[in-house]
Amino acid sequence: SRVLTMVSVLDCGLLVSAMVMMTSCGGGSNQKGLTADYIPFKMDKEDNWGLMDKNFKPLFSDEFEGKISPAYDGVFRVETESGYALYKAEEKPSVIAGCDDLLCAGIMSEGVIPIVKENSRITYVDKSGKEKFTLMPHNGKEIIEVMPSFTYGKAVIKTEDNKQGAINSSGKVIVEPKYDAVEIRDGFILAMNYEETEENKKQTNIILLDNSGKEVKTFKDRAVPANNYSFIDGTFVLSSHNDEGEKTLYLMDKAGKELKKYSTKKSEPTMIFDDYYTYSDDGKHGIKNRDNDEIIIRAKYDVLFPVEDNLFLASRGDKVSLINQKEEVIKSFGDDYAQMLPLNLNISTLGLMFPNWNCLAAEVDNNLVTFLDFKGEKISNNEYIVNLDQEYRIYSDYFNAAEVGQKLSDLIVKEYIPKFGKNITEYTTSNANGYQNYQGVGIEVKPFYKTSMSCYLLSNEQVAVMNNSWMYEYNPNALVNGFKLNLRLSYKDNPEELSSQVAKALSESLTKNGYALQDTPAENAYILQHAENNTEIMITFNDATVDVVGSMTSKE
């Protein structure tokens, strides 16, 4: 879960790190239409959690011992001893049917919310708990992660090969999961791929996609910077570096047209708005006119953060103030508050979705928070402990043992058994000296989801032998006569049960390929023989491991 209850105006680094977190997970620059109805609070650390609205009126109080989430569209999440549960945001909250024992849960948006039960795929349910759709494998690959809510009607997904794409609010894949990162923006989509150039340099390519997921343009050797943002609708910022390491920023529109280029040799834009942009210069922050780059506020503040039009939180040393563009001080706070955060910011990159909460949250002491209006005056009579945590990814721990068993069977029958009788030197990867005293060779094998695998081909004679010149050479009589395959599960719970399920599924699949099950000497083993191709396969399983040994049998 995201831990972002406050952003300190005394430490710009906290703000930057918060932005980087969400950007790397596919957040956009603005999120419209999604806002919290209630936020969690308690009056004292010994109290239980309740929910209150933007007028600080409690919906209920002192109710849940486990931490609760903000409520969106009438639904909130509660931490339980076994995981999470979803509740209806009512005066007397009730658990949503079928949503009381969850591995994780997201945010209600577009009428649905993603949930995951133990060893299950990601499923979307409505407010009543009724299942609407499940994220099934796409092109044979499990969808293992999704963003907690829909952004502009879309959500970023990640498949088992760590590639990202996007779905719409009906669960249909609209951006193929083939990118290293994806960000949903207002009216367009940005994707990123990382590659190595011929000079062995790492290069980031940005792919601009339209709202339907169709690729529009590719920007070679460009990046989406971690701390430079555009808050102008339909625009985004790219960056590049020259050989001297100097960064250039580009303001782009959603058609891929360059609107403006900024050299960062002397100063660097950080947040670009319609009429102005904030910039940094030697660690200090100021404001410039967006059209002509004239300085409005010289870069002299440690932090300068927009609150709303013509209003900023500014800090220098221990002094924190609300100022306007003329640098008139609306309110000076001195060091009254440890941390401050404008809740109204409509910025999903910060993980904040409280755009109708037009106030400042200010930490008084020891995690107690009070609320201020935009004149810096208190608008709540109480001080609260609040929780603004956001779930930033929904993940599945689903593992299909039957499918893994089937894939293992296919690998054995189609890849390994046909190698029997062939010269083993066909599968070597170095010169003969590397195989002296070896009676087999290791071969590359691609692991399945949530597994690690290794394979070793066995031979009837040594792979390399010494010739008359006392040099090693490959043995032409070394033939493949077996294999050893090791599969290890990286699943976190019940590996012993799953390894037995994989072994059983493999055995059943092999019987469909002409193998006959034999009597076994142990409970954790299967022995199968094929009468026509004279091969025997022994499967053993223990803890989180499945071992498979294939060999030739006697023709008698």
Protein backbone atom coordinates (compact mmCIF):
# COMPACT_ATOMS: atom_id res chain seq x y z
CA SER A 1 0.00 0.00 0.00
CA ARG A 2 1.07 3.56 -0.62
CA VAL A 3 2.28 5.39 2.50
CA LEU A 4 1.59 9.04 1.66
CA THR A 5 -0.34 10.72 4.45
CA MET A 6 1.44 14.07 4.06
CA VAL A 7 3.84 15.85 1.77
CA SER A 8 6.30 17.99 3.64
CA VAL A 9 6.72 21.51 2.29
CA LEU A 10 10.03 21.57 4.11
CA ASP A 11 11.44 18.69 2.11
CA CYS A 12 10.89 18.72 -1.66
CA GLY A 13 12.42 15.25 -1.88
CA LEU A 14 9.32 13.69 -0.31
CA LEU A 15 7.15 15.26 -2.97
CA VAL A 16 9.39 14.09 -5.79
CA SER A 17 9.58 10.52 -4.48
CA ALA A 18 5.80 10.37 -4.18
CA MET A 19 5.44 11.46 -7.80
CA VAL A 20 7.98 8.96 -9.05
CA MET A 21 6.18 6.07 -7.35
CA MET A 22 2.89 6.58 -9.12
CA THR A 23 4.38 7.54 -12.47
CA SER A 24 6.32 4.29 -12.60
CA CYS A 25 3.09 2.42 -12.03
CA GLY A 26 1.16 4.03 -14.86
CA GLY A 27 -0.46 7.10 -13.34
CA GLY A 28 -1.56 10.07 -15.44
CA SER A 29 -1.17 13.78 -14.86
CA ASN A 30 -4.83 14.47 -14.08
CA GLN A 31 -7.67 12.22 -13.01
CA LYS A 32 -11.20 13.46 -13.58
CA GLY A 33 -14.38 12.17 -12.01
CA LEU A 34 -12.84 10.03 -9.25
CA THR A 35 -12.90 11.55 -5.81
CA ALA A 36 -13.15 10.25 -2.26
CA ASP A 37 -16.54 10.53 -0.56
CA TYR A 38 -15.03 10.03 2.89
CA ILE A 39 -11.59 9.80 4.46
CA PRO A 40 -10.60 7.63 7.45
CA PHE A 41 -10.04 9.34 10.80
CA LYS A 42 -9.78 8.79 14.51
CA MET A 43 -9.60 11.30 17.32
CA ASP A 44 -7.02 9.46 19.38
CA LYS A 45 -4.46 6.75 18.62
CA GLU A 46 -6.32 4.39 20.97
CA ASP A 47 -9.57 4.84 19.03
CA ASN A 48 -10.80 2.66 16.19
CA TRP A 49 -11.15 4.06 12.66
CA GLY A 50 -14.18 5.92 11.31
CA LEU A 51 -15.07 7.85 8.14
CA MET A 52 -15.84 11.57 7.76
CA ASP A 53 -16.95 13.69 4.81
CA LYS A 54 -15.38 16.87 3.40
CA ASN A 55 -17.30 18.94 5.96
CA PHE A 56 -15.64 16.83 8.70
CA LYS A 57 -18.95 15.28 9.65
CA PRO A 58 -18.51 11.64 10.72
CA LEU A 59 -20.41 8.98 8.80
CA PHE A 60 -19.45 6.66 11.65
CA SER A 61 -16.65 6.76 14.21
CA ASP A 62 -14.53 4.48 16.44
CA GLU A 63 -15.69 1.40 14.46
CA PHE A 64 -12.84 -0.60 12.86
CA GLU A 65 -9.67 -1.71 14.61
CA GLY A 66 -7.97 -2.53 11.30
CA LYS A 67 -6.89 0.38 9.10
CA ILE A 68 -9.50 1.45 6.54
CA SER A 69 -9.18 3.19 3.18
CA PRO A 70 -10.89 6.32 1.87
CA ALA A 71 -14.35 5.54 0.48
CA TYR A 72 -14.97 5.91 -3.25
CA ASP A 73 -18.44 5.67 -4.75
CA GLY A 74 -19.81 4.25 -1.50
CA VAL A 75 -17.22 1.49 -0.96
CA PHE A 76 -14.16 1.26 1.29
CA ARG A 77 -11.56 -1.36 2.25
CA VAL A 78 -10.80 -2.68 5.76
CA GLU A 79 -7.64 -4.49 6.83
CA THR A 80 -8.46 -7.77 8.58
CA GLU A 81 -6.40 -10.51 10.23
CA SER A 82 -6.56 -12.60 7.05
CA GLY A 83 -6.27 -9.78 4.48
CA TYR A 84 -8.97 -7.31 3.44
CA ALA A 85 -12.74 -6.93 3.33
CA LEU A 86 -14.95 -4.52 1.38
CA TYR A 87 -17.68 -2.56 3.15
CA LYS A 88 -20.50 -0.26 2.13
CA ALA A 89 -19.96 3.31 3.31
CA GLU A 90 -23.07 3.69 5.46
CA GLU A 91 -23.87 4.87 8.99
CA LYS A 92 -23.87 1.22 9.95
CA PRO A 93 -21.33 -0.26 7.53
CA SER A 94 -21.96 -3.78 6.28
CA VAL A 95 -19.61 -6.13 4.48
CA ILE A 96 -20.24 -6.60 0.76
CA ALA A 97 -21.34 -10.16 -0.05
CA GLY A 98 -18.45 -12.43 -0.99
CA CYS A 99 -15.84 -9.74 -0.30
CA ASP A 100 -14.85 -10.56 3.27
CA ASP A 101 -11.70 -12.66 2.76
CA LEU A 102 -9.57 -10.93 0.12
CA LEU A 103 -5.88 -10.97 -0.68
CA CYS A 104 -6.17 -7.38 -1.95
CA ALA A 105 -8.78 -4.92 -3.19
CA GLY A 106 -8.74 -1.73 -5.22
CA ILE A 107 -10.91 1.37 -5.61
CA MET A 108 -14.50 1.53 -6.84
CA SER A 109 -14.56 3.30 -10.23
CA GLU A 110 -16.69 2.98 -13.36
CA GLY A 111 -19.12 0.95 -11.21
CA VAL A 112 -16.65 -1.88 -10.47
CA ILE A 113 -13.74 -2.65 -8.16
CA PRO A 114 -10.89 -5.17 -8.62
CA ILE A 115 -10.52 -7.85 -5.94
CA VAL A 116 -8.35 -10.93 -5.51
CA LYS A 117 -9.07 -14.00 -3.42
CA GLU A 118 -6.37 -16.48 -2.45
CA ASN A 119 -4.95 -18.34 -5.46
CA SER A 120 -7.45 -16.66 -7.78
CA ARG A 121 -7.27 -14.39 -10.79
CA ILE A 122 -8.11 -10.69 -10.58
CA THR A 123 -11.89 -10.25 -10.62
CA TYR A 124 -14.05 -7.12 -10.90
CA VAL A 125 -17.26 -6.93 -8.86
CA ASP A 126 -19.97 -4.30 -8.52
CA LYS A 127 -21.23 -2.62 -5.34
CA SER A 128 -23.31 -5.68 -4.43
CA GLY A 129 -20.36 -8.03 -4.82
CA LYS A 130 -21.67 -9.50 -8.05
CA GLU A 131 -18.89 -10.63 -10.38
CA LYS A 132 -18.74 -8.61 -13.60
CA PHE A 133 -15.62 -10.03 -15.26
CA THR A 134 -12.31 -11.79 -14.51
CA LEU A 135 -8.95 -11.01 -16.10
CA MET A 136 -8.19 -14.25 -17.95
CA PRO A 137 -4.84 -15.08 -19.59
CA HIS A 138 -4.09 -12.93 -22.64
CA ASN A 139 -2.31 -14.74 -25.46
CA GLY A 140 -1.49 -17.55 -23.04
CA LYS A 141 -0.01 -15.28 -20.34
CA GLU A 142 -1.54 -14.62 -16.94
CA ILE A 143 -2.48 -11.06 -16.05
CA ILE A 144 -0.82 -10.72 -12.64
CA GLU A 145 -1.29 -7.03 -11.79
CA VAL A 146 -3.68 -4.18 -12.48
CA MET A 147 -3.99 -0.59 -11.29
CA PRO A 148 -6.47 -0.18 -8.42
CA SER A 149 -8.90 2.03 -10.38
CA PHE A 150 -9.71 3.12 -13.90
CA THR A 151 -8.05 6.30 -15.13
CA TYR A 152 -10.03 7.92 -17.93
CA GLY A 153 -11.84 4.59 -18.38
CA LYS A 154 -8.66 2.50 -18.60
CA ALA A 155 -6.39 0.57 -16.26
CA VAL A 156 -2.79 -0.53 -16.73
CA ILE A 157 -2.19 -4.30 -16.53
CA LYS A 158 0.96 -6.40 -16.19
CA THR A 159 1.37 -9.95 -17.52
CA GLU A 160 3.53 -12.78 -16.16
CA ASP A 161 6.45 -11.77 -18.41
CA ASN A 162 6.46 -8.30 -16.75
CA LYS A 163 5.07 -6.55 -19.81
CA GLN A 164 2.42 -3.85 -19.47
CA GLY A 165 -0.70 -2.99 -21.44
CA ALA A 166 -4.18 -1.66 -20.63
CA ILE A 167 -7.81 -2.73 -20.39
CA ASN A 168 -11.04 -0.73 -20.65
CA SER A 169 -13.75 -0.69 -18.00
CA SER A 170 -15.30 -3.85 -19.51
CA GLY A 171 -12.08 -5.82 -19.09
CA LYS A 172 -11.17 -5.83 -22.79
CA VAL A 173 -7.48 -5.49 -23.60
CA ILE A 174 -7.09 -2.29 -25.65
CA VAL A 175 -3.31 -1.91 -25.33
CA GLU A 176 -1.39 -5.11 -25.99
CA PRO A 177 0.83 -6.02 -23.02
CA LYS A 178 4.13 -5.69 -24.88
CA TYR A 179 5.64 -2.59 -23.27
CA ASP A 180 7.99 -2.14 -20.33
CA ALA A 181 5.76 0.59 -18.86
CA VAL A 182 2.43 2.24 -19.69
CA GLU A 183 0.84 5.49 -18.49
CA ILE A 184 -2.80 6.46 -19.04
CA ARG A 185 -3.30 10.13 -19.83
CA ASP A 186 -6.29 12.31 -20.71
CA GLY A 187 -7.12 11.41 -24.32
CA PHE A 188 -3.93 9.47 -25.07
CA ILE A 189 -1.57 6.81 -23.72
CA LEU A 190 2.19 6.75 -23.27
CA ALA A 191 4.20 3.52 -23.40
CA MET A 192 7.89 2.92 -22.79
CA ASN A 193 10.33 0.30 -24.02
CA TYR A 194 13.91 -0.06 -22.87
CA GLU A 195 16.57 -1.40 -25.21
CA GLU A 196 20.32 -1.60 -25.62
CA THR A 197 21.93 0.17 -28.57
CA GLU A 198 24.76 -1.22 -30.70
CA GLU A 199 27.13 0.71 -28.43
CA ASN A 200 25.71 -1.28 -25.45
CA LYS A 201 24.03 1.84 -24.08
CA LYS A 202 20.62 1.67 -22.46
CA GLN A 203 18.01 3.62 -24.40
CA THR A 204 14.42 4.51 -23.55
CA ASN A 205 11.92 4.81 -26.38
CA ILE A 206 8.55 6.48 -25.80
CA ILE A 207 5.58 5.30 -27.84
CA LEU A 208 2.57 7.62 -28.13
CA LEU A 209 -0.77 5.83 -28.53
CA ASP A 210 -4.19 7.29 -29.19
CA ASN A 211 -7.16 6.72 -26.93
CA SER A 212 -8.02 3.43 -28.67
CA GLY A 213 -4.54 1.99 -28.09
CA LYS A 214 -3.23 2.51 -31.65
CA GLU A 215 0.41 3.56 -31.91
CA VAL A 216 0.77 7.11 -33.26
CA LYS A 217 4.46 7.96 -32.98
CA THR A 218 7.70 6.66 -31.47
CA PHE A 219 10.27 8.95 -29.86
CA LYS A 220 13.72 7.36 -29.90
CA ASP A 221 16.00 7.88 -26.93
CA ARG A 222 13.48 9.98 -25.04
CA ALA A 223 12.08 9.50 -21.56
CA VAL A 224 9.13 10.59 -19.44
CA PRO A 225 10.99 12.47 -16.70
CA ALA A 226 10.30 11.61 -13.08
CA ASN A 227 9.99 15.17 -11.77
CA ASN A 228 8.76 17.28 -14.70
CA TYR A 229 4.99 17.44 -15.29
CA SER A 230 2.49 19.15 -17.54
CA PHE A 231 -0.94 19.98 -16.15
CA ILE A 232 -2.21 21.33 -19.47
CA ASP A 233 -4.93 19.10 -20.91
CA GLY A 234 -3.77 16.95 -23.80
CA THR A 235 -0.04 17.54 -23.27
CA PHE A 236 2.92 15.72 -21.78
CA VAL A 237 6.62 16.26 -21.15
CA LEU A 238 9.55 14.30 -22.62
CA SER A 239 13.23 14.62 -21.86
CA SER A 240 16.54 13.80 -23.53
CA HIS A 241 20.20 13.99 -22.53
CA ASN A 242 23.21 14.86 -24.68
CA ASP A 243 26.67 13.29 -24.37
CA GLU A 244 27.60 15.86 -21.71
CA GLY A 245 24.60 14.83 -19.62
CA GLU A 246 22.66 18.06 -20.16
CA LYS A 247 18.88 17.58 -20.14
CA THR A 248 16.41 19.09 -22.59
CA LEU A 249 12.65 19.09 -21.97
CA TYR A 250 9.95 19.03 -24.66
CA LEU A 251 6.31 19.99 -24.17
CA MET A 252 4.31 17.77 -26.55
CA ASP A 253 0.66 17.56 -27.57
CA LYS A 254 -1.29 14.32 -27.88
CA ALA A 255 -0.69 14.22 -31.65
CA GLY A 256 3.06 14.04 -31.01
CA LYS A 257 3.76 17.65 -32.05
CA GLU A 258 6.44 19.56 -30.17
CA LEU A 259 4.92 22.71 -28.63
CA LYS A 260 7.97 24.04 -26.86
CA LYS A 261 11.55 23.07 -26.02
CA TYR A 262 13.23 23.99 -22.74
CA SER A 263 16.96 24.02 -22.17
CA THR A 264 17.76 23.09 -18.57
CA LYS A 265 21.33 24.42 -18.56
CA LYS A 266 20.40 27.33 -16.29
CA SER A 267 16.97 26.38 -14.92
CA GLU A 268 14.55 23.48 -15.23
CA PRO A 269 10.73 23.54 -15.52
CA THR A 270 9.10 21.26 -12.95
CA MET A 271 5.31 21.79 -13.29
CA ILE A 272 3.85 23.38 -16.41
CA PHE A 273 0.41 25.03 -16.27
CA ASP A 274 -1.64 27.05 -18.79
CA ASP A 275 -0.15 30.45 -17.96
CA TYR A 276 2.99 29.72 -15.98
CA TYR A 277 5.42 27.05 -14.94
CA THR A 278 7.39 26.40 -11.79
CA TYR A 279 11.10 25.95 -12.24
CA SER A 280 14.20 25.06 -10.24
CA ASP A 281 17.56 26.78 -10.33
CA ASP A 282 20.43 25.52 -8.19
CA GLY A 283 18.04 23.82 -5.79
CA LYS A 284 15.72 26.81 -5.39
CA HIS A 285 12.25 27.22 -6.91
CA GLY A 286 10.40 30.02 -8.69
CA ILE A 287 7.78 30.78 -11.38
CA LYS A 288 8.09 31.88 -15.01
CA ASN A 289 5.59 33.01 -17.64
CA ARG A 290 4.85 30.05 -19.92
CA ASP A 291 4.71 32.09 -23.15
CA ASN A 292 7.78 34.32 -22.87
CA ASP A 293 9.74 32.68 -19.99
CA GLU A 294 9.84 35.96 -18.05
CA ILE A 295 10.47 35.49 -14.35
CA ILE A 296 7.36 36.02 -12.21
CA ILE A 297 8.91 34.81 -8.95
CA ARG A 298 12.67 34.45 -8.77
CA ALA A 299 13.96 31.02 -7.75
CA LYS A 300 14.57 31.66 -4.07
CA TYR A 301 12.25 29.25 -2.28
CA ASP A 302 13.18 25.82 -0.98
CA VAL A 303 9.74 24.61 -2.03
CA LEU A 304 7.09 26.34 -4.16
CA PHE A 305 4.01 24.21 -4.66
CA PRO A 306 0.73 25.23 -6.39
CA VAL A 307 -2.41 25.02 -4.25
CA GLU A 308 -4.89 26.53 -6.72
CA ASP A 309 -4.86 29.34 -9.29
CA ASN A 310 -2.51 32.11 -8.13
CA LEU A 311 -1.91 30.47 -4.74
CA PHE A 312 1.21 28.62 -3.60
CA LEU A 313 2.72 26.98 -0.56
CA ALA A 314 6.20 28.42 -0.22
CA SER A 315 9.01 27.70 2.22
CA ARG A 316 12.40 29.21 2.97
CA GLY A 317 14.28 27.75 5.86
CA ASP A 318 11.79 27.29 8.70
CA LYS A 319 9.31 29.80 7.29
CA VAL A 320 6.23 28.40 5.50
CA SER A 321 3.66 30.71 3.90
CA LEU A 322 0.74 30.89 1.52
CA ILE A 323 1.62 33.41 -1.20
CA ASN A 324 0.25 34.58 -4.55
CA GLN A 325 2.12 35.33 -7.80
CA LYS A 326 2.84 38.86 -6.60
CA GLU A 327 4.53 37.27 -3.58
CA GLU A 328 1.96 38.82 -1.30
CA VAL A 329 1.76 36.72 1.87
CA ILE A 330 -1.76 35.44 2.40
CA LYS A 331 -0.81 33.62 5.60
CA SER A 332 2.50 32.97 7.35
CA PHE A 333 2.65 29.71 9.29
CA GLY A 334 6.17 29.94 10.61
CA ASP A 335 6.93 26.50 12.01
CA ASP A 336 3.41 25.85 13.34
CA TYR A 337 2.95 22.74 11.22
CA ALA A 338 5.36 19.88 10.62
CA GLN A 339 3.88 19.00 7.22
CA MET A 340 1.22 20.36 4.90
CA LEU A 341 -0.70 19.02 1.92
CA PRO A 342 -3.34 20.57 -0.38
CA LEU A 343 -6.05 17.89 -0.64
CA ASN A 344 -7.80 19.49 -3.62
CA LEU A 345 -4.99 18.71 -6.10
CA ASN A 346 -6.45 16.69 -8.93
CA ILE A 347 -3.23 14.78 -9.46
CA SER A 348 -3.21 11.01 -9.73
CA THR A 349 0.59 11.02 -9.99
CA LEU A 350 0.55 11.88 -6.30
CA GLY A 351 -1.90 9.10 -5.63
CA LEU A 352 -4.35 11.75 -4.41
CA MET A 353 -7.97 11.70 -5.51
CA PHE A 354 -9.72 14.30 -3.35
CA PRO A 355 -10.41 17.11 -5.87
CA ASN A 356 -13.55 18.31 -4.09
CA TRP A 357 -11.75 18.62 -0.75
CA ASN A 358 -10.82 22.29 -1.09
CA CYS A 359 -8.57 22.59 1.92
CA LEU A 360 -5.09 22.11 3.31
CA ALA A 361 -4.24 19.24 5.64
CA ALA A 362 -1.68 20.37 8.19
CA GLU A 363 0.13 18.11 10.63
CA VAL A 364 0.10 19.70 14.08
CA ASP A 365 2.10 17.26 16.17
CA ASN A 366 2.57 13.54 16.59
CA ASN A 367 0.56 12.67 13.44
CA LEU A 368 -2.42 14.79 14.49
CA VAL A 369 -3.88 16.75 11.55
CA THR A 370 -6.03 19.83 11.32
CA PHE A 371 -7.62 21.37 8.21
CA LEU A 372 -7.20 24.90 6.85
CA ASP A 373 -8.94 26.89 4.15
CA PHE A 374 -7.01 28.63 1.37
CA LYS A 375 -6.61 31.70 3.53
CA GLY A 376 -4.74 29.59 6.04
CA GLU A 377 -7.51 29.66 8.66
CA LYS A 378 -8.71 26.60 10.54
CA ILE A 379 -11.99 25.17 9.24
CA SER A 380 -12.23 22.24 11.64
CA ASN A 381 -12.49 22.52 15.40
CA ASN A 382 -10.76 19.22 16.01
CA GLU A 383 -7.46 17.55 15.32
CA TYR A 384 -7.46 14.10 13.75
CA ILE A 385 -5.33 11.13 12.87
CA VAL A 386 -6.11 10.53 9.19
CA ASN A 387 -5.20 7.88 6.66
CA LEU A 388 -4.86 8.88 2.99
CA ASP A 389 -3.11 5.66 1.93
CA GLN A 390 -3.84 4.44 -1.57
CA GLU A 391 -3.46 0.93 -2.91
CA TYR A 392 -1.24 1.42 -5.97
CA ARG A 393 -1.41 -2.07 -7.48
CA ILE A 394 -3.68 -5.09 -7.34
CA TYR A 395 -1.81 -8.36 -7.74
CA SER A 396 -2.83 -11.98 -8.16
CA ASP A 397 -1.14 -14.98 -6.55
CA TYR A 398 -2.92 -17.33 -8.95
CA PHE A 399 -0.99 -20.46 -9.89
CA ASN A 400 -2.40 -23.01 -12.33
CA ALA A 401 -0.72 -26.30 -11.40
CA ALA A 402 -2.62 -28.23 -14.07
CA GLU A 403 -1.42 -25.86 -16.78
CA VAL A 404 2.20 -26.11 -15.59
CA GLY A 405 1.93 -29.91 -15.62
CA GLN A 406 0.59 -29.80 -19.19
CA LYS A 407 3.39 -27.47 -20.31
CA LEU A 408 6.00 -29.74 -18.73
CA SER A 409 4.51 -32.71 -20.55
CA ASP A 410 4.63 -30.86 -23.88
CA LEU A 411 8.24 -29.88 -23.23
CA ILE A 412 9.24 -33.46 -22.47
CA VAL A 413 7.33 -35.10 -25.33
CA LYS A 414 8.07 -32.52 -28.02
CA GLU A 415 11.53 -31.26 -27.05
CA TYR A 416 13.46 -33.76 -24.93
CA ILE A 417 12.36 -37.25 -26.03
CA PRO A 418 13.09 -36.47 -29.74
CA LYS A 419 16.69 -35.72 -28.74
CA PHE A 420 17.27 -39.30 -27.55
CA GLY A 421 19.83 -41.07 -29.78
CA LYS A 422 21.25 -37.85 -31.23
CA ASN A 423 24.87 -36.84 -30.75
CA ILE A 424 25.02 -34.79 -27.59
CA THR A 425 27.61 -32.43 -29.06
CA GLU A 426 24.77 -30.79 -31.00
CA TYR A 427 23.76 -29.18 -27.70
CA THR A 428 27.15 -28.01 -26.41
CA THR A 429 27.86 -24.29 -26.02
CA SER A 430 31.69 -24.17 -25.62
CA ASN A 431 34.76 -26.01 -26.91
CA ALA A 432 35.58 -29.58 -25.95
CA ASN A 433 37.85 -28.52 -23.10
CA GLY A 434 34.78 -27.24 -21.29
CA TYR A 435 33.23 -30.72 -21.21
CA GLN A 436 36.10 -32.95 -20.10
CA ASN A 437 34.87 -35.58 -17.63
CA TYR A 438 31.24 -34.62 -18.35
CA GLN A 439 28.64 -37.22 -19.28
CA GLY A 440 25.95 -34.73 -20.15
CA VAL A 441 25.39 -31.05 -20.96
CA GLY A 442 23.18 -28.35 -19.48
CA ILE A 443 20.71 -26.73 -21.87
CA GLU A 444 18.77 -23.51 -21.61
CA VAL A 445 15.15 -23.81 -20.56
CA LYS A 446 12.67 -20.95 -20.19
CA PRO A 447 10.86 -21.13 -16.83
CA PHE A 448 7.10 -21.02 -16.52
CA TYR A 449 5.31 -18.38 -14.46
CA LYS A 450 6.30 -18.49 -10.76
CA THR A 451 8.90 -21.20 -11.34
CA SER A 452 12.63 -21.58 -11.89
CA MET A 453 13.85 -24.44 -14.08
CA SER A 454 17.02 -26.20 -15.18
CA CYS A 455 17.62 -29.12 -17.53
CA TYR A 456 20.57 -31.46 -18.12
CA LEU A 457 20.83 -33.83 -21.09
CA LEU A 458 22.52 -37.14 -20.26
CA SER A 459 24.74 -39.17 -22.58
CA ASN A 460 25.88 -42.80 -22.80
CA GLU A 461 29.56 -41.78 -22.92
CA GLN A 462 31.71 -38.81 -21.97
CA VAL A 463 31.02 -35.70 -24.05
CA ALA A 464 34.72 -34.98 -24.63
CA VAL A 465 37.66 -37.43 -24.80
CA MET A 466 41.40 -36.97 -25.04
CA ASN A 467 43.03 -37.65 -28.44
CA ASN A 468 46.57 -38.81 -29.27
CA SER A 469 47.86 -35.25 -28.98
CA TRP A 470 46.69 -35.02 -25.38
CA MET A 471 43.99 -32.57 -26.42
CA TYR A 472 40.27 -32.89 -25.73
CA GLU A 473 37.88 -33.32 -28.62
CA TYR A 474 34.18 -34.06 -28.87
CA ASN A 475 33.21 -37.72 -28.66
CA PRO A 476 31.28 -38.77 -31.81
CA ASN A 477 29.88 -41.77 -29.91
CA ALA A 478 28.31 -39.70 -27.10
CA LEU A 479 24.58 -39.99 -27.65
CA VAL A 480 21.69 -38.50 -25.69
CA ASN A 481 20.08 -41.23 -23.61
CA GLY A 482 18.27 -39.26 -20.91
CA PHE A 483 17.55 -35.94 -19.21
CA LYS A 484 17.19 -34.45 -15.75
CA LEU A 485 14.70 -31.62 -15.33
CA ASN A 486 14.32 -29.62 -12.12
CA LEU A 487 11.40 -27.29 -11.51
CA ARG A 488 11.24 -25.15 -8.38
CA LEU A 489 8.15 -23.21 -7.37
CA SER A 490 8.57 -19.61 -6.27
CA TYR A 491 5.02 -19.54 -4.92
CA LYS A 492 4.86 -18.12 -1.39
CA ASP A 493 2.23 -20.41 0.24
CA ASN A 494 1.66 -24.19 0.26
CA PRO A 495 4.56 -25.12 -2.07
CA GLU A 496 4.35 -28.78 -0.98
CA GLU A 497 0.70 -29.02 -2.02
CA LEU A 498 1.32 -27.28 -5.33
CA SER A 499 4.37 -29.41 -6.20
CA SER A 500 2.25 -32.54 -5.73
CA GLN A 501 -0.45 -31.01 -7.94
CA VAL A 502 2.09 -30.22 -10.68
CA ALA A 503 3.53 -33.75 -10.49
CA LYS A 504 0.07 -35.30 -10.68
CA ALA A 505 -0.94 -33.10 -13.63
CA LEU A 506 2.31 -33.99 -15.43
CA SER A 507 1.70 -37.70 -14.87
CA GLU A 508 -1.88 -37.47 -16.16
CA SER A 509 -0.79 -35.52 -19.22
CA LEU A 510 1.95 -38.04 -20.04
CA THR A 511 -0.57 -40.90 -19.93
CA LYS A 512 -2.48 -39.10 -22.67
CA ASN A 513 0.73 -39.22 -24.73
CA GLY A 514 1.10 -43.01 -24.61
CA TYR A 515 2.84 -43.45 -21.24
CA ALA A 516 1.59 -46.08 -18.80
CA LEU A 517 1.75 -45.52 -15.05
CA GLN A 518 3.84 -48.13 -13.19
CA ASP A 519 3.94 -49.22 -9.56
CA THR A 520 5.93 -46.67 -7.53
CA PRO A 521 8.23 -47.26 -4.54
CA ALA A 522 7.19 -44.06 -2.74
CA GLU A 523 4.16 -41.82 -2.21
CA ASN A 524 5.95 -38.79 -3.67
CA ALA A 525 6.85 -40.42 -7.00
CA TYR A 526 5.36 -41.44 -10.34
CA ILE A 527 7.02 -43.85 -12.80
CA LEU A 528 5.74 -44.01 -16.38
CA GLN A 529 6.89 -46.10 -19.34
CA HIS A 530 6.26 -45.84 -23.08
CA ALA A 531 6.29 -49.20 -24.85
CA GLU A 532 6.79 -47.85 -28.38
CA ASN A 533 9.68 -45.43 -27.94
CA ASN A 534 11.26 -47.40 -25.05
CA THR A 535 11.50 -44.49 -22.63
CA GLU A 536 10.83 -44.23 -18.93
CA ILE A 537 10.03 -41.10 -16.96
CA MET A 538 10.25 -40.81 -13.19
CA ILE A 539 8.66 -37.85 -11.42
CA THR A 540 9.43 -37.03 -7.79
CA PHE A 541 8.18 -34.09 -5.75
CA ASN A 542 9.25 -32.71 -2.41
CA ASP A 543 8.66 -29.36 -0.70
CA ALA A 544 8.64 -26.77 -3.53
CA THR A 545 10.48 -28.93 -6.08
CA VAL A 546 9.50 -31.28 -8.89
CA ASP A 547 12.27 -33.46 -10.39
CA VAL A 548 11.80 -35.33 -13.66
CA VAL A 549 14.26 -37.92 -14.99
CA GLY A 550 13.85 -39.43 -18.45
CA SER A 551 15.85 -42.46 -19.65
CA MET A 552 15.96 -45.22 -22.23
CA THR A 553 14.55 -48.62 -21.26
CA SER A 554 15.54 -52.07 -22.41
CA LYS A 555 13.96 -53.24 -25.68
CA GLU A 556 13.41 -56.71 -24.25
